[in-house]
Amino acid sequence: MSAGPQTPTQYIVHHLTNLSVGEGFWTLNIDSLVIAWLLGGLFCGSFYLAARRATTGVPTGFQSFVEIMVEFVDQSVRESFHGNSKLVAPLALTIFVWIFLMNLMDLIPVDLLPWLAQLVGIPYLKVVPTTDLNMTLGMSITVFLLIIFYSLKVKGPKEVIKESLFHPFGPWLMPFNLLLKLVEEFAKPVSLALRLFGNLYAGELIFILIALLPFYLQPFLSLPWAIFHILIITLQAFVFMMLTIVYMSMAHETH
């Protein structure tokens, strides 16, 4: 797609700028939030309708798809989660499908939705929520808070304190044990957020750079990259889901 009268730098900056309100810590990226909410509503609504219209006879194509997704996530939870919780499987399903849908927005031509937004007076529109570090951090921090909650609920505060102070090197190295525990715990949300953000941000940037090339070259680069990117967006959703399951399993285990 043509970059129009903008310089390449202006074009790239424009596509990587969020539609925001507020200042500093209280800044809200409206485009990321709205698109994420719409995709979340699409996921919940479509799966709800599939469940309501499910039949014991010959299933529809979408019912078969939903059943495959549910069975796939359920099997992943059974293999990796060793606790007893009714939350983990629905949480894993929600994470996988929601992140996949947000990642899937990366396959829409980079100029299409921003151009439509400009027609109605919206100056900026960043269409892939997972290229917004605030979104990926928000999801990872939510998972982190669930890990803390279930650790305290299942093990109890006393056991959590004992694990933090006495493992892995015993009571003589309590400060070092505590430092290792803090690093281990805070690395979980950071690694979850940065892995998802980094991969999707890089993928979106490559699509933008391809769009700066002459139009006759774009199909030869954008199509192979889009096909390869389907693997990336699926893999990143799967990795986020599996790490969440593993972390939740660790929160239910005691030494």
Protein backbone atom coordinates (compact mmCIF):
# COMPACT_ATOMS: atom_id res chain seq x y z
CA MET A 1 0.00 0.00 0.00
CA SER A 2 1.15 3.50 -0.68
CA ALA A 3 2.50 5.64 2.12
CA GLY A 4 0.96 8.75 0.57
CA PRO A 5 2.55 12.13 1.14
CA GLN A 6 4.14 11.04 4.43
CA THR A 7 7.81 10.27 4.74
CA PRO A 8 8.63 6.63 5.62
CA THR A 9 9.43 7.65 9.20
CA GLN A 10 6.15 9.54 9.58
CA TYR A 11 4.26 6.61 8.09
CA ILE A 12 5.79 4.12 10.54
CA VAL A 13 5.29 6.41 13.55
CA HIS A 14 1.69 7.06 12.57
CA HIS A 15 0.86 3.34 12.37
CA LEU A 16 2.56 2.61 15.70
CA THR A 17 0.83 5.45 17.58
CA ASN A 18 -2.19 4.67 19.76
CA LEU A 19 -5.33 6.75 20.00
CA SER A 20 -4.92 7.86 23.62
CA VAL A 21 -6.58 10.01 26.25
CA GLY A 22 -5.10 11.19 29.53
CA GLU A 23 -1.51 11.84 30.51
CA GLY A 24 1.30 9.91 32.17
CA PHE A 25 0.31 6.87 34.20
CA TRP A 26 -3.39 7.55 33.59
CA THR A 27 -3.11 7.42 29.79
CA LEU A 28 -5.67 5.10 28.21
CA ASN A 29 -5.06 3.65 24.75
CA ILE A 30 -8.63 3.76 23.49
CA ASP A 31 -8.03 1.80 20.29
CA SER A 32 -6.41 -1.15 22.10
CA LEU A 33 -9.16 -1.25 24.71
CA VAL A 34 -12.07 -1.00 22.27
CA ILE A 35 -10.70 -3.59 19.84
CA ALA A 36 -9.84 -5.97 22.70
CA TRP A 37 -13.35 -5.58 24.17
CA LEU A 38 -14.98 -6.16 20.78
CA LEU A 39 -12.93 -9.29 20.17
CA GLY A 40 -13.62 -10.50 23.71
CA GLY A 41 -17.34 -9.96 23.10
CA LEU A 42 -17.09 -11.81 19.79
CA PHE A 43 -15.41 -14.75 21.53
CA CYS A 44 -17.91 -14.92 24.40
CA GLY A 45 -20.97 -14.37 22.20
CA SER A 46 -20.01 -16.88 19.52
CA PHE A 47 -19.05 -19.61 21.98
CA TYR A 48 -22.21 -18.97 23.99
CA LEU A 49 -24.39 -19.32 20.89
CA ALA A 50 -22.53 -22.48 19.90
CA ALA A 51 -23.20 -23.96 23.34
CA ARG A 52 -26.89 -22.96 23.22
CA ARG A 53 -27.39 -24.40 19.76
CA ALA A 54 -25.33 -27.54 20.28
CA THR A 55 -26.99 -30.75 19.11
CA THR A 56 -26.29 -34.42 19.73
CA GLY A 57 -26.80 -35.14 16.05
CA VAL A 58 -24.63 -34.02 13.17
CA PRO A 59 -22.88 -30.88 14.44
CA THR A 60 -22.53 -27.68 12.46
CA GLY A 61 -19.11 -26.58 11.32
CA PHE A 62 -18.81 -23.95 14.04
CA GLN A 63 -20.00 -26.36 16.74
CA SER A 64 -17.30 -28.79 15.63
CA PHE A 65 -14.72 -26.01 15.80
CA VAL A 66 -15.79 -25.03 19.33
CA GLU A 67 -15.72 -28.66 20.48
CA ILE A 68 -12.21 -29.08 19.04
CA MET A 69 -11.02 -25.94 20.84
CA VAL A 70 -12.55 -27.01 24.15
CA GLU A 71 -11.13 -30.53 23.90
CA PHE A 72 -7.70 -29.19 22.93
CA VAL A 73 -7.55 -26.82 25.90
CA ASP A 74 -9.02 -29.41 28.27
CA GLN A 75 -6.35 -31.94 27.24
CA SER A 76 -3.62 -29.34 27.72
CA VAL A 77 -4.90 -28.60 31.23
CA ARG A 78 -5.14 -32.30 32.13
CA GLU A 79 -1.53 -32.86 31.05
CA SER A 80 0.00 -29.80 32.76
CA PHE A 81 -2.21 -28.86 35.72
CA HIS A 82 -1.88 -31.06 38.80
CA GLY A 83 -4.20 -29.26 41.17
CA ASN A 84 -7.96 -29.17 41.65
CA SER A 85 -9.61 -26.04 40.29
CA LYS A 86 -12.64 -25.30 38.14
CA LEU A 87 -11.14 -21.99 37.01
CA VAL A 88 -8.03 -23.12 35.14
CA ALA A 89 -9.64 -24.71 32.08
CA PRO A 90 -12.04 -21.77 31.36
CA LEU A 91 -9.18 -19.35 32.03
CA ALA A 92 -6.90 -21.21 29.62
CA LEU A 93 -9.59 -21.32 26.92
CA THR A 94 -10.29 -17.60 27.32
CA ILE A 95 -6.61 -16.69 27.17
CA PHE A 96 -5.90 -18.81 24.09
CA VAL A 97 -8.89 -17.72 21.99
CA TRP A 98 -8.83 -14.06 23.06
CA ILE A 99 -5.09 -13.63 22.43
CA PHE A 100 -5.39 -15.49 19.13
CA LEU A 101 -8.15 -13.14 17.97
CA MET A 102 -6.15 -10.07 18.99
CA ASN A 103 -3.09 -11.45 17.22
CA LEU A 104 -5.19 -12.26 14.15
CA MET A 105 -5.80 -8.54 13.62
CA ASP A 106 -2.18 -8.42 12.45
CA LEU A 107 -3.24 -10.11 9.20
CA ILE A 108 -5.57 -7.25 8.21
CA PRO A 109 -3.85 -4.93 5.66
CA VAL A 110 -2.04 -2.29 7.69
CA ASP A 111 -3.62 0.69 5.92
CA LEU A 112 -7.22 -0.51 5.74
CA LEU A 113 -8.65 0.14 9.21
CA PRO A 114 -6.58 3.32 9.89
CA TRP A 115 -7.80 4.71 6.56
CA LEU A 116 -11.42 3.93 7.43
CA ALA A 117 -10.91 5.51 10.85
CA GLN A 118 -9.56 8.70 9.29
CA LEU A 119 -12.69 8.94 7.15
CA VAL A 120 -14.75 9.36 10.35
CA GLY A 121 -12.27 11.71 11.99
CA ILE A 122 -10.17 9.31 14.06
CA PRO A 123 -6.52 10.36 13.58
CA TYR A 124 -4.81 7.24 14.96
CA LEU A 125 -5.81 3.60 15.09
CA LYS A 126 -3.46 0.83 16.18
CA VAL A 127 -5.45 -2.27 15.31
CA VAL A 128 -3.44 -5.05 17.04
CA PRO A 129 -4.01 -4.84 20.82
CA THR A 130 -1.14 -7.23 21.57
CA THR A 131 1.34 -4.77 20.04
CA ASP A 132 0.46 -2.51 22.99
CA LEU A 133 2.66 -3.32 25.99
CA ASN A 134 -0.06 -2.02 28.32
CA MET A 135 -2.42 -4.75 27.11
CA THR A 136 0.06 -7.60 27.41
CA LEU A 137 1.19 -6.39 30.84
CA GLY A 138 -2.42 -6.08 31.95
CA MET A 139 -3.14 -9.69 31.02
CA SER A 140 0.08 -11.00 32.57
CA ILE A 141 -0.44 -9.06 35.81
CA THR A 142 -3.96 -10.49 36.05
CA VAL A 143 -2.51 -14.00 35.74
CA PHE A 144 0.15 -13.09 38.33
CA LEU A 145 -2.51 -11.93 40.81
CA LEU A 146 -4.38 -15.21 40.31
CA ILE A 147 -1.16 -17.11 41.01
CA ILE A 148 -0.68 -15.22 44.28
CA PHE A 149 -4.33 -15.72 45.26
CA TYR A 150 -4.29 -19.48 44.69
CA SER A 151 -0.90 -19.86 46.34
CA LEU A 152 -2.30 -18.28 49.50
CA LYS A 153 -5.60 -20.13 49.22
CA VAL A 154 -4.19 -23.62 48.62
CA LYS A 155 -0.95 -23.52 50.62
CA GLY A 156 -1.82 -20.93 53.23
CA PRO A 157 0.26 -17.89 54.19
CA LYS A 158 2.50 -19.94 56.49
CA GLU A 159 3.54 -22.37 53.75
CA VAL A 160 4.09 -19.55 51.26
CA ILE A 161 6.39 -17.79 53.73
CA LYS A 162 8.28 -21.02 54.41
CA GLU A 163 8.79 -21.62 50.68
CA SER A 164 10.03 -18.07 50.20
CA LEU A 165 12.49 -18.13 53.11
CA PHE A 166 13.74 -21.72 53.34
CA HIS A 167 13.93 -22.92 49.71
CA PRO A 168 16.08 -23.85 47.92
CA PHE A 169 19.12 -23.42 50.22
CA GLY A 170 17.70 -23.92 53.69
CA PRO A 171 17.31 -21.55 56.68
CA TRP A 172 20.93 -20.35 56.70
CA LEU A 173 20.49 -18.41 53.48
CA MET A 174 17.06 -16.89 54.06
CA PRO A 175 17.83 -13.46 52.51
CA PHE A 176 19.23 -15.10 49.38
CA ASN A 177 16.29 -17.50 49.19
CA LEU A 178 13.86 -14.59 49.46
CA LEU A 179 15.71 -12.67 46.75
CA LEU A 180 15.58 -15.67 44.41
CA LYS A 181 11.86 -16.12 45.12
CA LEU A 182 11.09 -12.48 44.37
CA VAL A 183 13.05 -12.59 41.12
CA GLU A 184 11.31 -15.83 40.14
CA GLU A 185 7.83 -14.50 40.84
CA PHE A 186 8.26 -11.09 39.21
CA ALA A 187 9.87 -12.69 36.15
CA LYS A 188 6.61 -14.51 35.42
CA PRO A 189 4.42 -11.53 34.43
CA VAL A 190 7.33 -9.69 32.82
CA SER A 191 8.29 -12.65 30.61
CA LEU A 192 4.66 -13.33 29.67
CA ALA A 193 4.05 -9.72 28.67
CA LEU A 194 7.31 -9.04 26.86
CA ARG A 195 7.31 -12.30 24.88
CA LEU A 196 3.84 -11.68 23.46
CA PHE A 197 4.42 -7.96 22.89
CA GLY A 198 7.83 -8.38 21.28
CA ASN A 199 6.78 -11.01 18.77
CA LEU A 200 3.62 -9.23 17.67
CA TYR A 201 5.23 -5.79 17.59
CA ALA A 202 8.02 -7.10 15.37
CA GLY A 203 5.53 -8.83 13.09
CA GLU A 204 3.43 -5.68 12.73
CA LEU A 205 6.53 -3.61 12.02
CA ILE A 206 7.54 -5.97 9.21
CA PHE A 207 4.09 -5.63 7.63
CA ILE A 208 4.43 -1.83 7.83
CA LEU A 209 7.87 -1.95 6.21
CA ILE A 210 6.51 -4.15 3.41
CA ALA A 211 3.74 -1.60 2.85
CA LEU A 212 6.41 1.03 2.17
CA LEU A 213 7.78 -0.93 -0.78
CA PRO A 214 6.57 -0.43 -4.37
CA PHE A 215 3.15 -1.99 -4.88
CA TYR A 216 4.40 -4.55 -7.40
CA LEU A 217 6.79 -6.02 -4.81
CA GLN A 218 4.39 -6.17 -1.88
CA PRO A 219 2.49 -9.40 -2.80
CA PHE A 220 5.76 -11.36 -3.12
CA LEU A 221 6.74 -10.43 0.44
CA SER A 222 3.47 -9.86 2.28
CA LEU A 223 1.84 -13.18 1.32
CA PRO A 224 4.72 -15.44 2.50
CA TRP A 225 5.13 -13.37 5.66
CA ALA A 226 1.37 -13.52 6.36
CA ILE A 227 1.37 -17.31 5.96
CA PHE A 228 4.36 -17.64 8.27
CA HIS A 229 2.80 -15.14 10.69
CA ILE A 230 -0.25 -17.39 11.11
CA LEU A 231 2.10 -19.83 12.86
CA ILE A 232 3.51 -17.03 15.04
CA ILE A 233 0.15 -15.68 16.22
CA THR A 234 -1.10 -19.19 17.04
CA LEU A 235 2.13 -20.16 18.79
CA GLN A 236 2.19 -16.99 20.93
CA ALA A 237 -1.39 -17.58 22.09
CA PHE A 238 -0.52 -21.20 22.88
CA VAL A 239 2.66 -20.28 24.80
CA PHE A 240 0.81 -17.70 26.91
CA MET A 241 -1.90 -20.25 27.68
CA MET A 242 0.52 -23.07 28.55
CA LEU A 243 2.67 -20.89 30.80
CA THR A 244 -0.47 -19.74 32.60
CA ILE A 245 -1.48 -23.38 33.17
CA VAL A 246 2.01 -24.28 34.42
CA TYR A 247 2.17 -21.27 36.75
CA MET A 248 -1.27 -22.06 38.14
CA SER A 249 -0.19 -25.67 38.67
CA MET A 250 2.88 -24.47 40.57
CA ALA A 251 0.63 -22.29 42.76
CA HIS A 252 -1.30 -25.44 43.77
CA GLU A 253 1.77 -27.51 44.61
CA THR A 254 3.61 -27.70 47.94
CA HIS A 255 7.15 -28.83 48.68
